[in-house]
Amino acid sequence: MGLSLRDLGERAGVSAPMLSQVERGETSPTLAVAGRIASGLELSLSQLLRLDEGDGVSVVRAAHRRPGPTGADGHAYEVLTPPIPGQRAEVSLHRLGPAAATGGAGDPPIHEPGSRETAVVTDGRLTLLCDGAAHDLAEGDAVTFDADLPHHFENPGPGEARFFAVVSAGLRRS
């Protein structure tokens, strides 16, 4: 999700210093505060507390995928992984229309420092622009890069392009 403590505090109605204390284990939130934190993370309280874990398997049905925020024209994506606390990777399925892009050259990096991303092109062609360098990708190609660098994908082809992206948070030494 990539939220700062300040961002989460605004979403949850809980101060950033309180969130910091909870994160460091210096204090335990009341049930009401824990509920607001869960809401700010778009989780249920049972998900936050991991009370709904059963056999260690989480299935996300196609009808329950989380759509990504609407952004650039011609770009749509869905998050395929469940919102499990402490999960360090996210898998998403992206669709790019002809001449569409996931972002622009001036966009700031959206992933936390040390993140890595792997993308696999399943349909069409893509160009990855990462830290000023272009990398052309064809159907079946995969690319792995430091996701905390400025980057975006473009579809140079005449048809829709599709790709899976896996972002692993904070794995690389900065």
Protein backbone atom coordinates (compact mmCIF):
# COMPACT_ATOMS: atom_id res chain seq x y z
CA MET A 1 0.00 0.00 0.00
CA GLY A 2 3.00 2.29 0.52
CA LEU A 3 1.52 4.63 3.15
CA SER A 4 3.62 6.81 5.41
CA LEU A 5 2.65 7.07 9.08
CA ARG A 6 1.31 10.56 8.35
CA ASP A 7 -0.80 9.26 5.44
CA LEU A 8 -2.16 6.39 7.51
CA GLY A 9 -2.83 8.77 10.41
CA GLU A 10 -4.93 11.00 8.15
CA ARG A 11 -6.84 8.04 6.71
CA ALA A 12 -7.42 6.45 10.12
CA GLY A 13 -7.93 9.53 12.28
CA VAL A 14 -5.02 8.47 14.52
CA SER A 15 -1.97 10.65 15.16
CA ALA A 16 1.32 9.71 13.51
CA PRO A 17 3.12 9.68 16.91
CA MET A 18 0.54 7.20 18.26
CA LEU A 19 0.97 5.00 15.17
CA SER A 20 4.74 5.13 15.62
CA GLN A 21 4.42 4.02 19.25
CA VAL A 22 2.14 1.14 18.23
CA GLU A 23 4.51 0.15 15.41
CA ARG A 24 7.49 0.07 17.80
CA GLY A 25 5.52 -1.92 20.40
CA GLU A 26 5.74 0.89 22.97
CA THR A 27 1.98 0.99 23.47
CA SER A 28 -1.05 -1.14 22.64
CA PRO A 29 -3.98 0.59 20.94
CA THR A 30 -7.47 0.41 22.35
CA LEU A 31 -9.95 -1.65 20.35
CA ALA A 32 -11.46 1.56 18.96
CA VAL A 33 -8.05 2.85 17.81
CA ALA A 34 -7.15 -0.58 16.35
CA GLY A 35 -10.45 -0.48 14.43
CA ARG A 36 -9.61 2.96 13.01
CA ILE A 37 -6.12 1.76 12.03
CA ALA A 38 -7.66 -1.26 10.28
CA SER A 39 -10.08 0.99 8.43
CA GLY A 40 -7.23 3.25 7.34
CA LEU A 41 -5.43 0.21 5.93
CA GLU A 42 -8.64 -0.95 4.17
CA LEU A 43 -8.73 -4.05 6.37
CA SER A 44 -11.27 -5.46 8.78
CA LEU A 45 -10.26 -5.54 12.44
CA SER A 46 -10.04 -9.34 12.25
CA GLN A 47 -7.67 -9.07 9.27
CA LEU A 48 -5.51 -6.57 11.13
CA LEU A 49 -5.36 -8.83 14.18
CA ARG A 50 -5.04 -11.90 11.94
CA LEU A 51 -8.04 -13.51 13.62
CA ASP A 52 -9.47 -14.65 10.29
CA GLU A 53 -6.52 -16.83 9.37
CA GLY A 54 -7.45 -20.41 8.90
CA ASP A 55 -5.24 -22.93 7.20
CA GLY A 56 -2.65 -20.46 5.91
CA VAL A 57 -4.23 -20.27 2.43
CA SER A 58 -5.85 -17.09 1.10
CA VAL A 59 -7.84 -17.28 -2.13
CA VAL A 60 -8.78 -14.08 -3.94
CA ARG A 61 -11.62 -14.85 -6.32
CA ALA A 62 -11.67 -12.98 -9.64
CA ALA A 63 -14.81 -11.10 -8.57
CA HIS A 64 -13.08 -9.89 -5.38
CA ARG A 65 -9.88 -8.45 -6.83
CA ARG A 66 -9.11 -4.94 -5.64
CA PRO A 67 -9.07 -2.45 -8.53
CA GLY A 68 -6.19 0.00 -8.57
CA PRO A 69 -6.95 3.70 -8.46
CA THR A 70 -7.90 5.20 -11.78
CA GLY A 71 -4.94 7.04 -13.16
CA ALA A 72 -3.57 7.50 -16.62
CA ASP A 73 -5.96 7.06 -19.54
CA GLY A 74 -5.83 3.59 -20.99
CA HIS A 75 -4.28 1.99 -17.87
CA ALA A 76 -6.23 -0.28 -15.54
CA TYR A 77 -5.01 -2.77 -12.98
CA GLU A 78 -6.20 -5.13 -10.27
CA VAL A 79 -4.37 -6.28 -7.15
CA LEU A 80 -4.43 -10.07 -7.00
CA THR A 81 -2.95 -10.61 -3.54
CA PRO A 82 -5.07 -10.35 -0.38
CA PRO A 83 -4.52 -7.43 2.03
CA ILE A 84 -2.71 -9.46 4.69
CA PRO A 85 -0.82 -7.50 7.37
CA GLY A 86 2.92 -7.90 7.12
CA GLN A 87 2.82 -9.20 3.56
CA ARG A 88 5.96 -8.04 1.77
CA ALA A 89 4.90 -8.63 -1.85
CA GLU A 90 2.01 -7.57 -4.04
CA VAL A 91 0.95 -9.13 -7.35
CA SER A 92 -1.08 -7.08 -9.82
CA LEU A 93 -2.47 -7.56 -13.34
CA HIS A 94 -2.18 -4.51 -15.61
CA ARG A 95 -3.86 -3.64 -18.90
CA LEU A 96 -2.51 -0.88 -21.14
CA GLY A 97 -4.38 0.34 -24.20
CA PRO A 98 -2.54 1.35 -27.38
CA ALA A 99 -0.15 4.28 -26.73
CA ALA A 100 -1.10 4.27 -23.02
CA ALA A 101 1.33 4.41 -20.09
CA THR A 102 1.25 3.53 -16.39
CA GLY A 103 2.55 7.01 -15.53
CA GLY A 104 4.73 9.79 -16.81
CA ALA A 105 8.39 10.74 -16.96
CA GLY A 106 8.04 13.28 -14.14
CA ASP A 107 6.16 11.01 -11.73
CA PRO A 108 7.95 10.33 -8.42
CA PRO A 109 8.72 6.74 -7.40
CA ILE A 110 5.70 5.16 -5.71
CA HIS A 111 7.40 2.21 -4.03
CA GLU A 112 9.27 2.25 -0.73
CA PRO A 113 13.08 2.35 -0.66
CA GLY A 114 14.64 -1.02 -1.35
CA SER A 115 11.65 -2.35 -3.32
CA ARG A 116 12.11 -4.60 -6.33
CA GLU A 117 9.61 -5.17 -9.12
CA THR A 118 9.36 -8.03 -11.59
CA ALA A 119 7.02 -7.72 -14.56
CA VAL A 120 6.03 -10.45 -17.03
CA VAL A 121 4.46 -9.46 -20.35
CA THR A 122 1.57 -11.81 -21.16
CA ASP A 123 0.11 -10.01 -24.21
CA GLY A 124 1.48 -7.39 -26.58
CA ARG A 125 4.64 -5.32 -26.23
CA LEU A 126 5.85 -2.90 -23.55
CA THR A 127 8.60 -0.40 -23.04
CA LEU A 128 9.89 0.02 -19.50
CA LEU A 129 11.36 3.45 -18.87
CA CYS A 130 13.41 3.14 -15.71
CA ASP A 131 15.69 5.88 -14.42
CA GLY A 132 15.92 7.40 -17.89
CA ALA A 133 16.70 4.18 -19.82
CA ALA A 134 14.26 2.43 -22.18
CA HIS A 135 13.90 -1.38 -22.21
CA ASP A 136 11.76 -2.99 -24.92
CA LEU A 137 9.80 -6.07 -23.86
CA ALA A 138 7.90 -8.61 -25.97
CA GLU A 139 5.25 -11.15 -25.05
CA GLY A 140 6.79 -13.68 -22.65
CA ASP A 141 9.64 -11.39 -21.56
CA ALA A 142 10.27 -10.67 -17.89
CA VAL A 143 12.16 -7.79 -16.30
CA THR A 144 13.30 -7.14 -12.72
CA PHE A 145 14.37 -3.70 -11.53
CA ASP A 146 14.76 -1.46 -8.49
CA ALA A 147 11.20 -0.20 -8.05
CA ASP A 148 12.19 2.81 -5.96
CA LEU A 149 13.68 4.40 -9.09
CA PRO A 150 11.47 6.60 -11.31
CA HIS A 151 9.80 4.25 -13.78
CA HIS A 152 6.74 3.56 -15.88
CA PHE A 153 5.58 1.22 -18.64
CA GLU A 154 4.37 2.31 -22.08
CA ASN A 155 2.49 0.34 -24.72
CA PRO A 156 4.06 1.08 -28.14
CA GLY A 157 1.87 -1.46 -29.95
CA PRO A 158 -1.44 -1.14 -31.81
CA GLY A 159 -3.34 -3.47 -29.44
CA GLU A 160 -3.83 -3.87 -25.69
CA ALA A 161 -0.83 -5.02 -23.66
CA ARG A 162 -1.15 -7.01 -20.45
CA PHE A 163 1.40 -7.80 -17.80
CA PHE A 164 1.73 -9.13 -14.28
CA ALA A 165 3.80 -7.15 -11.79
CA VAL A 166 5.20 -8.42 -8.51
CA VAL A 167 6.51 -5.77 -6.12
CA SER A 168 8.61 -7.01 -3.20
CA ALA A 169 9.00 -4.33 -0.56
CA GLY A 170 12.25 -3.37 1.08
CA LEU A 171 14.36 -6.33 0.00
CA ARG A 172 17.30 -4.52 -1.58
CA ARG A 173 19.93 -2.76 0.49
CA SER A 174 19.73 0.93 -0.31
